[in-house]
Amino acid sequence: MGRVRKRKRKAPHKPRARRRQMNFGTEQTMTTKSSSSPPNAARATANLGLVRPPFVYLVSLVAGIAIQLVIPVPFLPRTLAKFFGTLLVVIAMALFSYSVAKFRGAGTPVPARKPTTAIVRTGPYRFSRNPIYLAFSLFQLGMAIWINSVWLLATLVGAVMLMHYVVIPREEQYLERKFGAQYLGYKASVRRWL
């Protein structure tokens, strides 16, 4: 009888221990999703890896300027270049600031490496789903005109292609998974660039 009692005591004890482990595992998974551990961070963000938008445009700018210093190739008269280049740089900076302000106003982080908490539809987001990337592109276009460099235009084309075919589709897939029909409706009503 002593053996039977021990078995009866152990049998209810084991399932309870398993339930605790299962609950602990679930709680840990839920906690981990909101933490910044690498495996789960990929699910909680667009997971861009090394192809991050500011880095793409920075490399594009530096490469274009470096080539221009070695082999200068102008494409506009100097008077037009300075005026239009400066104008585009100012517009790009204003668009960037306004877009970031709208993100912060909605309480969602700007960097793509952090989880998006809301879809912003106000301000420049009424006309473009990616006004920050548009601002980066306009900034480099303005610099290309201001410096009067064909090479900055050429590297800008490469940056925009990378953004259009790699970065933005990954972000869109992430937003579709996270927001579903809400994002799909926004995507259908507002263009990717302009």
C-alpha atoms as a PDB file:
ATOM      1  CA  MET A   1       0.000   0.000   0.000  1.00  0.00           C
ATOM      2  CA  GLY A   2       2.937   2.275   0.623  1.00  0.00           C
ATOM      3  CA  ARG A   3       3.913   1.941  -3.032  1.00  0.00           C
ATOM      4  CA  VAL A   4       0.430   2.664  -4.263  1.00  0.00           C
ATOM      5  CA  ARG A   5       0.226   5.809  -2.156  1.00  0.00           C
ATOM      6  CA  LYS A   6       3.520   7.038  -3.530  1.00  0.00           C
ATOM      7  CA  ARG A   7       2.273   6.480  -7.078  1.00  0.00           C
ATOM      8  CA  LYS A   8      -0.957   8.311  -6.379  1.00  0.00           C
ATOM      9  CA  ARG A   9       0.947  11.237  -4.940  1.00  0.00           C
ATOM     10  CA  LYS A  10       3.355  11.381  -7.857  1.00  0.00           C
ATOM     11  CA  ALA A  11       0.707  11.143 -10.582  1.00  0.00           C
ATOM     12  CA  PRO A  12      -1.142  14.380  -9.698  1.00  0.00           C
ATOM     13  CA  HIS A  13       2.164  16.088  -8.963  1.00  0.00           C
ATOM     14  CA  LYS A  14       3.674  15.500 -12.452  1.00  0.00           C
ATOM     15  CA  PRO A  15       0.848  17.064 -14.504  1.00  0.00           C
ATOM     16  CA  ARG A  16       0.890  20.122 -12.257  1.00  0.00           C
ATOM     17  CA  ALA A  17       4.612  20.515 -12.814  1.00  0.00           C
ATOM     18  CA  ARG A  18       4.070  20.183 -16.562  1.00  0.00           C
ATOM     19  CA  ARG A  19       1.308  22.775 -16.521  1.00  0.00           C
ATOM     20  CA  ARG A  20       3.554  25.168 -14.672  1.00  0.00           C
ATOM     21  CA  GLN A  21       6.279  24.623 -17.235  1.00  0.00           C
ATOM     22  CA  MET A  22       3.835  25.211 -20.086  1.00  0.00           C
ATOM     23  CA  ASN A  23       2.519  28.375 -18.493  1.00  0.00           C
ATOM     24  CA  PHE A  24       6.029  29.562 -17.755  1.00  0.00           C
ATOM     25  CA  GLY A  25       7.018  28.865 -21.367  1.00  0.00           C
ATOM     26  CA  THR A  26       4.052  30.826 -22.688  1.00  0.00           C
ATOM     27  CA  GLU A  27       4.705  33.742 -20.363  1.00  0.00           C
ATOM     28  CA  GLN A  28       8.347  33.723 -21.341  1.00  0.00           C
ATOM     29  CA  THR A  29       7.430  33.737 -25.037  1.00  0.00           C
ATOM     30  CA  MET A  30       5.056  36.642 -24.525  1.00  0.00           C
ATOM     31  CA  THR A  31       7.675  38.549 -22.560  1.00  0.00           C
ATOM     32  CA  THR A  32      10.358  37.761 -25.115  1.00  0.00           C
ATOM     33  CA  LYS A  33       8.210  39.089 -27.961  1.00  0.00           C
ATOM     34  CA  SER A  34       8.219  42.503 -26.363  1.00  0.00           C
ATOM     35  CA  SER A  35      11.913  42.312 -25.493  1.00  0.00           C
ATOM     36  CA  SER A  36      14.736  42.905 -27.943  1.00  0.00           C
ATOM     37  CA  SER A  37      16.210  39.419 -28.242  1.00  0.00           C
ATOM     38  CA  PRO A  38      17.413  38.678 -31.778  1.00  0.00           C
ATOM     39  CA  PRO A  39      15.219  35.662 -32.719  1.00  0.00           C
ATOM     40  CA  ASN A  40      11.916  37.241 -31.715  1.00  0.00           C
ATOM     41  CA  ALA A  41      12.883  40.791 -32.667  1.00  0.00           C
ATOM     42  CA  ALA A  42      12.805  39.642 -36.296  1.00  0.00           C
ATOM     43  CA  ARG A  43       9.118  38.773 -35.895  1.00  0.00           C
ATOM     44  CA  ALA A  44       8.313  42.030 -34.106  1.00  0.00           C
ATOM     45  CA  THR A  45       9.970  44.282 -36.712  1.00  0.00           C
ATOM     46  CA  ALA A  46      10.438  44.451 -40.467  1.00  0.00           C
ATOM     47  CA  ASN A  47      13.801  42.632 -40.052  1.00  0.00           C
ATOM     48  CA  LEU A  48      15.840  44.638 -42.529  1.00  0.00           C
ATOM     49  CA  GLY A  49      19.182  43.186 -41.476  1.00  0.00           C
ATOM     50  CA  LEU A  50      22.063  45.324 -42.732  1.00  0.00           C
ATOM     51  CA  VAL A  51      19.917  47.024 -45.371  1.00  0.00           C
ATOM     52  CA  ARG A  52      18.684  49.898 -43.222  1.00  0.00           C
ATOM     53  CA  PRO A  53      17.320  53.001 -44.979  1.00  0.00           C
ATOM     54  CA  PRO A  54      19.645  55.648 -43.470  1.00  0.00           C
ATOM     55  CA  PHE A  55      22.624  53.377 -44.183  1.00  0.00           C
ATOM     56  CA  VAL A  56      21.493  52.825 -47.803  1.00  0.00           C
ATOM     57  CA  TYR A  57      21.285  56.566 -48.458  1.00  0.00           C
ATOM     58  CA  LEU A  58      24.491  57.357 -46.564  1.00  0.00           C
ATOM     59  CA  VAL A  59      26.479  54.834 -48.613  1.00  0.00           C
ATOM     60  CA  SER A  60      24.872  56.200 -51.762  1.00  0.00           C
ATOM     61  CA  LEU A  61      25.830  59.795 -50.871  1.00  0.00           C
ATOM     62  CA  VAL A  62      29.393  58.954 -49.866  1.00  0.00           C
ATOM     63  CA  ALA A  63      29.965  56.823 -52.979  1.00  0.00           C
ATOM     64  CA  GLY A  64      28.574  59.515 -55.289  1.00  0.00           C
ATOM     65  CA  ILE A  65      30.675  62.267 -53.697  1.00  0.00           C
ATOM     66  CA  ALA A  66      33.817  60.099 -53.756  1.00  0.00           C
ATOM     67  CA  ILE A  67      33.418  59.365 -57.473  1.00  0.00           C
ATOM     68  CA  GLN A  68      32.644  63.052 -58.147  1.00  0.00           C
ATOM     69  CA  LEU A  69      35.890  64.099 -56.452  1.00  0.00           C
ATOM     70  CA  VAL A  70      37.892  61.740 -58.668  1.00  0.00           C
ATOM     71  CA  ILE A  71      35.980  62.202 -61.954  1.00  0.00           C
ATOM     72  CA  PRO A  72      33.813  65.343 -61.833  1.00  0.00           C
ATOM     73  CA  VAL A  73      30.919  65.254 -64.300  1.00  0.00           C
ATOM     74  CA  PRO A  74      28.566  68.257 -64.082  1.00  0.00           C
ATOM     75  CA  PHE A  75      25.191  68.268 -65.841  1.00  0.00           C
ATOM     76  CA  LEU A  76      23.677  71.738 -65.172  1.00  0.00           C
ATOM     77  CA  PRO A  77      24.764  75.372 -65.398  1.00  0.00           C
ATOM     78  CA  ARG A  78      26.173  76.497 -62.015  1.00  0.00           C
ATOM     79  CA  THR A  79      23.540  79.199 -61.380  1.00  0.00           C
ATOM     80  CA  LEU A  80      20.650  76.754 -61.822  1.00  0.00           C
ATOM     81  CA  ALA A  81      22.416  74.020 -59.857  1.00  0.00           C
ATOM     82  CA  LYS A  82      22.893  76.051 -56.677  1.00  0.00           C
ATOM     83  CA  PHE A  83      19.360  77.466 -56.625  1.00  0.00           C
ATOM     84  CA  PHE A  84      17.439  74.268 -57.393  1.00  0.00           C
ATOM     85  CA  GLY A  85      19.750  72.091 -55.332  1.00  0.00           C
ATOM     86  CA  THR A  86      19.342  74.280 -52.254  1.00  0.00           C
ATOM     87  CA  LEU A  87      15.582  74.400 -52.746  1.00  0.00           C
ATOM     88  CA  LEU A  88      15.289  70.601 -52.895  1.00  0.00           C
ATOM     89  CA  VAL A  89      17.514  70.116 -49.834  1.00  0.00           C
ATOM     90  CA  VAL A  90      15.320  72.518 -47.827  1.00  0.00           C
ATOM     91  CA  ILE A  91      12.126  70.778 -49.011  1.00  0.00           C
ATOM     92  CA  ALA A  92      13.601  67.375 -48.115  1.00  0.00           C
ATOM     93  CA  MET A  93      14.552  68.514 -44.616  1.00  0.00           C
ATOM     94  CA  ALA A  94      11.094  69.996 -44.042  1.00  0.00           C
ATOM     95  CA  LEU A  95       9.382  66.820 -45.286  1.00  0.00           C
ATOM     96  CA  PHE A  96      11.601  64.657 -43.079  1.00  0.00           C
ATOM     97  CA  SER A  97      10.918  66.774 -39.969  1.00  0.00           C
ATOM     98  CA  TYR A  98       7.175  66.853 -40.605  1.00  0.00           C
ATOM     99  CA  SER A  99       7.036  63.075 -41.195  1.00  0.00           C
ATOM    100  CA  VAL A 100       9.000  62.302 -38.029  1.00  0.00           C
ATOM    101  CA  ALA A 101       6.769  64.653 -36.032  1.00  0.00           C
ATOM    102  CA  LYS A 102       3.674  62.775 -37.256  1.00  0.00           C
ATOM    103  CA  PHE A 103       5.216  59.436 -36.223  1.00  0.00           C
ATOM    104  CA  ARG A 104       6.064  60.748 -32.775  1.00  0.00           C
ATOM    105  CA  GLY A 105       2.625  62.328 -32.449  1.00  0.00           C
ATOM    106  CA  ALA A 106       1.063  58.911 -33.093  1.00  0.00           C
ATOM    107  CA  GLY A 107       3.351  57.370 -30.470  1.00  0.00           C
ATOM    108  CA  THR A 108       5.101  54.999 -32.862  1.00  0.00           C
ATOM    109  CA  PRO A 109       8.908  54.768 -33.183  1.00  0.00           C
ATOM    110  CA  VAL A 110      10.602  56.071 -36.328  1.00  0.00           C
ATOM    111  CA  PRO A 111      13.429  53.509 -36.750  1.00  0.00           C
ATOM    112  CA  ALA A 112      12.387  50.381 -38.667  1.00  0.00           C
ATOM    113  CA  ARG A 113      14.336  48.220 -36.202  1.00  0.00           C
ATOM    114  CA  LYS A 114      11.686  48.946 -33.539  1.00  0.00           C
ATOM    115  CA  PRO A 115       8.117  47.567 -33.579  1.00  0.00           C
ATOM    116  CA  THR A 116       5.516  49.782 -35.227  1.00  0.00           C
ATOM    117  CA  THR A 117       2.609  50.542 -32.905  1.00  0.00           C
ATOM    118  CA  ALA A 118       0.299  52.492 -35.233  1.00  0.00           C
ATOM    119  CA  ILE A 119      -0.341  53.244 -38.890  1.00  0.00           C
ATOM    120  CA  VAL A 120       0.068  56.975 -39.458  1.00  0.00           C
ATOM    121  CA  ARG A 121      -2.363  58.436 -42.019  1.00  0.00           C
ATOM    122  CA  THR A 122      -2.067  62.154 -41.380  1.00  0.00           C
ATOM    123  CA  GLY A 123       0.195  64.856 -42.768  1.00  0.00           C
ATOM    124  CA  PRO A 124       2.445  63.631 -45.584  1.00  0.00           C
ATOM    125  CA  TYR A 125       1.244  60.058 -44.991  1.00  0.00           C
ATOM    126  CA  ARG A 126      -2.001  61.012 -46.751  1.00  0.00           C
ATOM    127  CA  PHE A 127      -0.043  61.276 -50.030  1.00  0.00           C
ATOM    128  CA  SER A 128       2.867  58.854 -49.586  1.00  0.00           C
ATOM    129  CA  ARG A 129       3.271  55.663 -47.551  1.00  0.00           C
ATOM    130  CA  ASN A 130       7.000  56.415 -47.276  1.00  0.00           C
ATOM    131  CA  PRO A 131       7.519  60.177 -46.945  1.00  0.00           C
ATOM    132  CA  ILE A 132      10.710  59.727 -44.897  1.00  0.00           C
ATOM    133  CA  TYR A 133      12.301  57.695 -47.690  1.00  0.00           C
ATOM    134  CA  LEU A 134      10.981  60.226 -50.171  1.00  0.00           C
ATOM    135  CA  ALA A 135      12.698  62.938 -48.098  1.00  0.00           C
ATOM    136  CA  PHE A 136      15.977  60.976 -48.158  1.00  0.00           C
ATOM    137  CA  SER A 137      15.696  60.658 -51.942  1.00  0.00           C
ATOM    138  CA  LEU A 138      14.867  64.340 -52.408  1.00  0.00           C
ATOM    139  CA  PHE A 139      17.791  65.268 -50.166  1.00  0.00           C
ATOM    140  CA  GLN A 140      20.239  63.292 -52.292  1.00  0.00           C
ATOM    141  CA  LEU A 141      18.674  64.641 -55.490  1.00  0.00           C
ATOM    142  CA  GLY A 142      19.081  68.170 -54.107  1.00  0.00           C
ATOM    143  CA  MET A 143      22.704  67.445 -53.219  1.00  0.00           C
ATOM    144  CA  ALA A 144      23.318  66.007 -56.701  1.00  0.00           C
ATOM    145  CA  ILE A 145      21.937  69.177 -58.287  1.00  0.00           C
ATOM    146  CA  TRP A 146      23.682  71.508 -55.825  1.00  0.00           C
ATOM    147  CA  ILE A 147      27.072  69.807 -56.251  1.00  0.00           C
ATOM    148  CA  ASN A 148      26.216  69.348 -59.939  1.00  0.00           C
ATOM    149  CA  SER A 149      27.168  65.670 -59.969  1.00  0.00           C
ATOM    150  CA  VAL A 150      25.989  62.998 -62.348  1.00  0.00           C
ATOM    151  CA  TRP A 151      27.531  60.440 -59.989  1.00  0.00           C
ATOM    152  CA  LEU A 152      25.255  61.425 -57.106  1.00  0.00           C
ATOM    153  CA  LEU A 153      22.311  60.941 -59.460  1.00  0.00           C
ATOM    154  CA  ALA A 154      23.613  57.517 -60.490  1.00  0.00           C
ATOM    155  CA  THR A 155      24.119  56.335 -56.908  1.00  0.00           C
ATOM    156  CA  LEU A 156      20.673  57.732 -55.997  1.00  0.00           C
ATOM    157  CA  VAL A 157      19.114  55.502 -58.653  1.00  0.00           C
ATOM    158  CA  GLY A 158      20.819  52.506 -57.026  1.00  0.00           C
ATOM    159  CA  ALA A 159      19.601  53.523 -53.566  1.00  0.00           C
ATOM    160  CA  VAL A 160      16.009  54.030 -54.727  1.00  0.00           C
ATOM    161  CA  MET A 161      16.015  50.642 -56.508  1.00  0.00           C
ATOM    162  CA  LEU A 162      17.268  48.930 -53.335  1.00  0.00           C
ATOM    163  CA  MET A 163      14.621  50.684 -51.256  1.00  0.00           C
ATOM    164  CA  HIS A 164      11.845  49.942 -53.742  1.00  0.00           C
ATOM    165  CA  TYR A 165      12.603  46.270 -54.339  1.00  0.00           C
ATOM    166  CA  VAL A 166      14.108  45.130 -51.018  1.00  0.00           C
ATOM    167  CA  VAL A 167      13.490  47.413 -48.037  1.00  0.00           C
ATOM    168  CA  ILE A 168       9.942  48.643 -48.599  1.00  0.00           C
ATOM    169  CA  PRO A 169       8.479  45.218 -49.553  1.00  0.00           C
ATOM    170  CA  ARG A 170       9.858  43.735 -46.307  1.00  0.00           C
ATOM    171  CA  GLU A 171       8.332  46.564 -44.305  1.00  0.00           C
ATOM    172  CA  GLU A 172       5.013  46.153 -46.102  1.00  0.00           C
ATOM    173  CA  GLN A 173       4.939  42.406 -45.378  1.00  0.00           C
ATOM    174  CA  TYR A 174       5.607  43.132 -41.698  1.00  0.00           C
ATOM    175  CA  LEU A 175       2.829  45.752 -41.567  1.00  0.00           C
ATOM    176  CA  GLU A 176       0.403  43.410 -43.348  1.00  0.00           C
ATOM    177  CA  ARG A 177       1.125  40.675 -40.794  1.00  0.00           C
ATOM    178  CA  LYS A 178       0.785  43.053 -37.873  1.00  0.00           C
ATOM    179  CA  PHE A 179      -2.182  45.234 -38.901  1.00  0.00           C
ATOM    180  CA  GLY A 180      -3.966  43.068 -41.496  1.00  0.00           C
ATOM    181  CA  ALA A 181      -6.957  44.676 -43.214  1.00  0.00           C
ATOM    182  CA  GLN A 182      -6.248  48.053 -41.605  1.00  0.00           C
ATOM    183  CA  TYR A 183      -2.890  48.315 -43.385  1.00  0.00           C
ATOM    184  CA  LEU A 184      -4.172  46.725 -46.605  1.00  0.00           C
ATOM    185  CA  GLY A 185      -6.854  49.433 -46.818  1.00  0.00           C
ATOM    186  CA  TYR A 186      -4.243  52.141 -46.311  1.00  0.00           C
ATOM    187  CA  LYS A 187      -1.920  50.505 -48.841  1.00  0.00           C
ATOM    188  CA  ALA A 188      -4.703  50.400 -51.436  1.00  0.00           C
ATOM    189  CA  SER A 189      -5.554  54.085 -50.968  1.00  0.00           C
ATOM    190  CA  VAL A 190      -2.089  55.706 -50.740  1.00  0.00           C
ATOM    191  CA  ARG A 191       0.823  55.266 -53.147  1.00  0.00           C
ATOM    192  CA  ARG A 192       4.194  53.889 -52.135  1.00  0.00           C
ATOM    193  CA  TRP A 193       6.167  57.004 -53.109  1.00  0.00           C
ATOM    194  CA  LEU A 194       3.896  59.729 -54.522  1.00  0.00           C
END
